[in-house]
Amino acid sequence: MTRCRMQAVGMMIALVGCAAACSKKADDGAAASKDKPVAVAYSAKQVGSELDVTLTAEPRTHLYVAPDRGGSNPKEKVTDDTGTAVFRVGGASGENSLFVVATALDGRKTEHKFPFTIGAQEKLEVSDAIPSRPGETLVGCQGSFDAEAGGVERVDLCTGLRLAEDGTVGLAFKAPSARKLTIGAQTFEPKDGVVVGRIDLTPAIAALDLQKLRDRERPFEYPVTLELASGTRKGTVELDRTAVSALLSKVQKGPVLFPGEAKGGGQASLLLLSENLTWEYIGEDVPIARLDLVAVMTSKLRKAASCRYVATDGSEKQKSLDRVMRDPTVTVYERRTGKKVATKSWTAKVPECADWIKSNTPGSYADVDEREIVEWLKTLLPAEAGPPR
């Protein structure tokens, strides 16, 4: 029995020894895991005066970030299931560094510093690309690069653009780091820090329906994208109808033809270019490239005897009020041939002198009712062409 008891004791000692050794190995592994740093990968892109920072670590890692100099308050995020977190970070311009504290799910914590540099904001100058000239036509324009996050301010692109003889308008961007300009479907490359974009309005005019011409104050719209070293600016330019009247009024000197179009007649559609810019049309609602007749209105001013008034405040001050009449003449041309089809003039009625006026009333003006002109124009088109729109 003594021998058996001793063997049992020996077995117990061996088991205890094995358990102690296994436990020591497990403890060493856990300690090694706790000592493992939390790795963080860093990438950044400047956007205006800030940085878009992408940090990659273990999934569900808590990240605390703050620039060493200036900028925004510290920010915190947890990485997603792919281990990624994105921050918008500000900081003082010039050389700087981003302080990052990464805390893993198991409590491990590691500090990192990533150097970065925020360059100075690039000055962007926008101007009209068409040189000034006597008798130039100015096309109304509205457009901007909108303000963006990161301190990038709104940039107005235009309020009016000169129309070149070839029917184009243009924008010039002065920016040393300009890489590419895109307007609509056209792309333009920079030269010596300046990139110039031209917009040919003729194809857009040809495709514009008469109803849209009448109803939309700025019927031409073009997206604008400017690629800079510091980022991409995007906006939109809208142009008014001035280019349409400038093109079609050339019918007074000869045919107005679109590319690939042959000379010919037709009486299915008519557009009135009135001084009041009402853009009335008669007949079919067709693209301007299919427009048959153009009616051009001009007016002469005529004056009648002034109206005279005496102030009612007891000052006995006197005021004369001019009475001015606009007498229109409308001439109709075949667009594709320049042939004169018809012409007619009207005489405006003399406005009566009112019983009283305000002291700042500028004058009294009288026009011919445009409906009378439209009624006459209707007689020049076949009945089946349809009513005025």
Foldseek 3Di string as FASTA:
>chain_A
DVVVVVVVVVVVVVVVVVVVVVVVVVVVVVVVVLPDAWDKDWDWAFAAQKIWIKIFTAAQKKKWKAKPADWDDIDIDTAHNRRIDIDITHHDAAKTKMWMWIADPVGRIDIDIGIDHGHHGWDKDKDWPDDDDPPWDKWAKWKWQPADPRPRHIGTHDGIFTQDPQQKTKMKMATQFWAWKDKANDIWGDDNRMTMDMDRCQVVQQQDWLVLLQPDQFSDKIKMWIQGSNGITIMMMTTGCRSVCVQQVCLLVWARAGPPDAFDADFLKEWEPDPVSNGKMFFDRGRPNPHFKYKYKDWDKDWDAWDKDADPPPPRDIDTATWIEIKMKIWMAGRRTSHTDDIDIGTWDTDDDDPDDDPPDHHHYTYDDCVVVQVVSCVRHPPNRGGMD
